[in-house]
C-alpha atoms as a PDB file:
ATOM      1  CA  UNK A   1       8.334  32.881   9.218  1.00  0.00           C
ATOM      2  CA  UNK A   2       8.813  29.202   8.912  1.00  0.00           C
ATOM      3  CA  UNK A   3      11.920  27.763   7.365  1.00  0.00           C
ATOM      4  CA  UNK A   4      12.258  24.381   5.338  1.00  0.00           C
ATOM      5  CA  UNK A   5      15.697  22.994   4.577  1.00  0.00           C
ATOM      6  CA  UNK A   6      16.600  19.846   2.930  1.00  0.00           C
ATOM      7  CA  UNK A   7      19.829  17.870   2.696  1.00  0.00           C
ATOM      8  CA  UNK A   8      20.986  14.478   1.523  1.00  0.00           C
ATOM      9  CA  UNK A   9      22.279  11.740   3.617  1.00  0.00           C
ATOM     10  CA  UNK A  10      23.704   8.356   2.990  1.00  0.00           C
ATOM     11  CA  UNK A  11      20.382   6.551   2.560  1.00  0.00           C
ATOM     12  CA  UNK A  12      17.988   9.071   3.012  1.00  0.00           C
ATOM     13  CA  UNK A  13      17.056  12.403   3.519  1.00  0.00           C
ATOM     14  CA  UNK A  14      17.025  15.107   6.259  1.00  0.00           C
ATOM     15  CA  UNK A  15      14.564  17.887   6.461  1.00  0.00           C
ATOM     16  CA  UNK A  16      14.991  20.679   8.792  1.00  0.00           C
ATOM     17  CA  UNK A  17      12.072  22.603   9.862  1.00  0.00           C
ATOM     18  CA  UNK A  18      12.008  25.907  11.588  1.00  0.00           C
ATOM     19  CA  UNK A  19       9.410  28.163  13.102  1.00  0.00           C
ATOM     20  CA  UNK A  20       5.299  27.561  13.033  1.00  0.00           C
ATOM     21  CA  UNK A  21       3.435  25.622  10.877  1.00  0.00           C
ATOM     22  CA  UNK A  22      -0.196  26.679  11.103  1.00  0.00           C
ATOM     23  CA  UNK A  23      -1.741  26.198   7.842  1.00  0.00           C
ATOM     24  CA  UNK A  24      -0.459  28.956   5.756  1.00  0.00           C
ATOM     25  CA  UNK A  25       2.042  28.973   2.925  1.00  0.00           C
ATOM     26  CA  UNK A  26       4.766  27.490   5.267  1.00  0.00           C
ATOM     27  CA  UNK A  27       2.389  24.391   5.511  1.00  0.00           C
ATOM     28  CA  UNK A  28       2.130  24.356   1.711  1.00  0.00           C
ATOM     29  CA  UNK A  29       5.701  24.482   1.278  1.00  0.00           C
ATOM     30  CA  UNK A  30       6.176  21.584   3.887  1.00  0.00           C
ATOM     31  CA  UNK A  31       3.572  19.605   1.920  1.00  0.00           C
ATOM     32  CA  UNK A  32       5.106  20.235  -1.713  1.00  0.00           C
ATOM     33  CA  UNK A  33       8.393  19.570   0.016  1.00  0.00           C
ATOM     34  CA  UNK A  34       7.417  16.315   1.625  1.00  0.00           C
ATOM     35  CA  UNK A  35       5.632  15.193  -1.588  1.00  0.00           C
ATOM     36  CA  UNK A  36       8.450  15.715  -3.849  1.00  0.00           C
ATOM     37  CA  UNK A  37      10.331  13.774  -1.286  1.00  0.00           C
ATOM     38  CA  UNK A  38       8.204  11.059  -0.917  1.00  0.00           C
ATOM     39  CA  UNK A  39       7.755  10.450  -4.834  1.00  0.00           C
ATOM     40  CA  UNK A  40      11.694  10.539  -4.819  1.00  0.00           C
ATOM     41  CA  UNK A  41      14.446   7.539  -4.987  1.00  0.00           C
ATOM     42  CA  UNK A  42      15.014   7.859  -1.330  1.00  0.00           C
ATOM     43  CA  UNK A  43      12.540   6.847   1.165  1.00  0.00           C
ATOM     44  CA  UNK A  44      13.965   7.383   4.138  1.00  0.00           C
ATOM     45  CA  UNK A  45      13.294  10.648   5.420  1.00  0.00           C
ATOM     46  CA  UNK A  46      14.071  12.379   9.001  1.00  0.00           C
ATOM     47  CA  UNK A  47      12.434  15.411   9.911  1.00  0.00           C
ATOM     48  CA  UNK A  48      14.373  17.369  12.398  1.00  0.00           C
ATOM     49  CA  UNK A  49      11.993  19.714  14.628  1.00  0.00           C
ATOM     50  CA  UNK A  50      14.540  21.058  16.868  1.00  0.00           C
ATOM     51  CA  UNK A  51      13.193  24.394  15.853  1.00  0.00           C
ATOM     52  CA  UNK A  52       9.286  24.107  15.300  1.00  0.00           C
ATOM     53  CA  UNK A  53       7.874  26.205  17.814  1.00  0.00           C
ATOM     54  CA  UNK A  54       4.298  25.186  16.613  1.00  0.00           C
ATOM     55  CA  UNK A  55       2.181  22.915  14.729  1.00  0.00           C
ATOM     56  CA  UNK A  56      -1.433  23.034  14.024  1.00  0.00           C
ATOM     57  CA  UNK A  57      -4.039  20.088  12.215  1.00  0.00           C
ATOM     58  CA  UNK A  58      -3.117  21.385   9.036  1.00  0.00           C
ATOM     59  CA  UNK A  59       0.725  20.571   9.458  1.00  0.00           C
ATOM     60  CA  UNK A  60      -0.028  17.365  11.377  1.00  0.00           C
ATOM     61  CA  UNK A  61      -2.311  16.294   8.289  1.00  0.00           C
ATOM     62  CA  UNK A  62       0.824  17.150   6.027  1.00  0.00           C
ATOM     63  CA  UNK A  63       3.166  14.883   7.792  1.00  0.00           C
ATOM     64  CA  UNK A  64       0.603  12.096   8.019  1.00  0.00           C
ATOM     65  CA  UNK A  65      -0.072  12.024   4.215  1.00  0.00           C
ATOM     66  CA  UNK A  66       3.583  11.968   3.339  1.00  0.00           C
ATOM     67  CA  UNK A  67       3.931   9.286   5.863  1.00  0.00           C
ATOM     68  CA  UNK A  68       1.248   7.340   4.252  1.00  0.00           C
ATOM     69  CA  UNK A  69       3.255   7.828   0.938  1.00  0.00           C
ATOM     70  CA  UNK A  70       6.175   6.700   2.060  1.00  0.00           C
ATOM     71  CA  UNK A  71       5.214   3.962   3.787  1.00  0.00           C
ATOM     72  CA  UNK A  72       3.436   2.451   0.626  1.00  0.00           C
ATOM     73  CA  UNK A  73       7.035   2.445  -0.669  1.00  0.00           C
ATOM     74  CA  UNK A  74       8.294   0.760   2.043  1.00  0.00           C
ATOM     75  CA  UNK A  75      10.012   3.707   3.399  1.00  0.00           C
ATOM     76  CA  UNK A  76       9.600   5.611   6.456  1.00  0.00           C
ATOM     77  CA  UNK A  77       9.658   9.144   8.123  1.00  0.00           C
ATOM     78  CA  UNK A  78      11.229   9.568  11.335  1.00  0.00           C
ATOM     79  CA  UNK A  79      11.266  12.994  13.834  1.00  0.00           C
ATOM     80  CA  UNK A  80      13.746  14.026  15.818  1.00  0.00           C
ATOM     81  CA  UNK A  81      14.520  16.670  18.604  1.00  0.00           C
ATOM     82  CA  UNK A  82      11.075  17.642  19.226  1.00  0.00           C
ATOM     83  CA  UNK A  83      10.284  20.329  21.556  1.00  0.00           C
ATOM     84  CA  UNK A  84       8.274  19.316  24.417  1.00  0.00           C
ATOM     85  CA  UNK A  85       4.823  21.132  23.325  1.00  0.00           C
ATOM     86  CA  UNK A  86       5.270  19.965  20.146  1.00  0.00           C
ATOM     87  CA  UNK A  87       6.037  16.138  21.462  1.00  0.00           C
ATOM     88  CA  UNK A  88       2.852  16.195  23.604  1.00  0.00           C
ATOM     89  CA  UNK A  89       0.804  16.958  20.618  1.00  0.00           C
ATOM     90  CA  UNK A  90       2.040  13.558  19.256  1.00  0.00           C
ATOM     91  CA  UNK A  91       1.362  11.763  22.138  1.00  0.00           C
ATOM     92  CA  UNK A  92      -2.072  13.441  22.655  1.00  0.00           C
ATOM     93  CA  UNK A  93      -3.129  12.437  19.045  1.00  0.00           C
ATOM     94  CA  UNK A  94      -1.616   9.266  19.314  1.00  0.00           C
ATOM     95  CA  UNK A  95       1.062  10.054  16.530  1.00  0.00           C
ATOM     96  CA  UNK A  96       3.959   8.429  18.431  1.00  0.00           C
ATOM     97  CA  UNK A  97       2.376   5.009  17.324  1.00  0.00           C
ATOM     98  CA  UNK A  98       2.896   6.362  13.486  1.00  0.00           C
ATOM     99  CA  UNK A  99       6.065   7.877  14.007  1.00  0.00           C
ATOM    100  CA  UNK A 100       9.240   7.048  15.446  1.00  0.00           C
ATOM    101  CA  UNK A 101      10.438   9.815  17.436  1.00  0.00           C
ATOM    102  CA  UNK A 102      14.134  10.290  18.449  1.00  0.00           C
ATOM    103  CA  UNK A 103      15.531  12.468  20.899  1.00  0.00           C
ATOM    104  CA  UNK A 104      18.076  13.887  18.011  1.00  0.00           C
ATOM    105  CA  UNK A 105      19.291  13.710  14.936  1.00  0.00           C
ATOM    106  CA  UNK A 106      22.494  11.227  15.643  1.00  0.00           C
ATOM    107  CA  UNK A 107      19.745   8.595  16.714  1.00  0.00           C
ATOM    108  CA  UNK A 108      17.630   9.000  14.207  1.00  0.00           C
ATOM    109  CA  UNK A 109      20.193   8.366  11.528  1.00  0.00           C
ATOM    110  CA  UNK A 110      21.717   5.420  13.506  1.00  0.00           C
ATOM    111  CA  UNK A 111      18.175   4.242  13.197  1.00  0.00           C
ATOM    112  CA  UNK A 112      18.083   4.256   9.255  1.00  0.00           C
END
């Protein structure tokens, strides 16, 4: 089962994801979490995907939608610590042009 943990950081928020996001309850929870964060006062969000094993198109749609909401407010969503297969998904779908992707959380935090 997928898990989502949110941690406040200086100037932003880190969202830790774990498990598979395949369009069920876990993806609904991700949508609700990101929507709440996107509408909140902090507009810099880092999504740590180090423990994500699989994402499907529904989950990608949730990320893109959150990105659009945050970008409208002048913010950004960055991704970090992607598994090779998950990173390939972002490369194939050209989402590497939408999301800044960092090798680890430290690099992502520095970028904010």
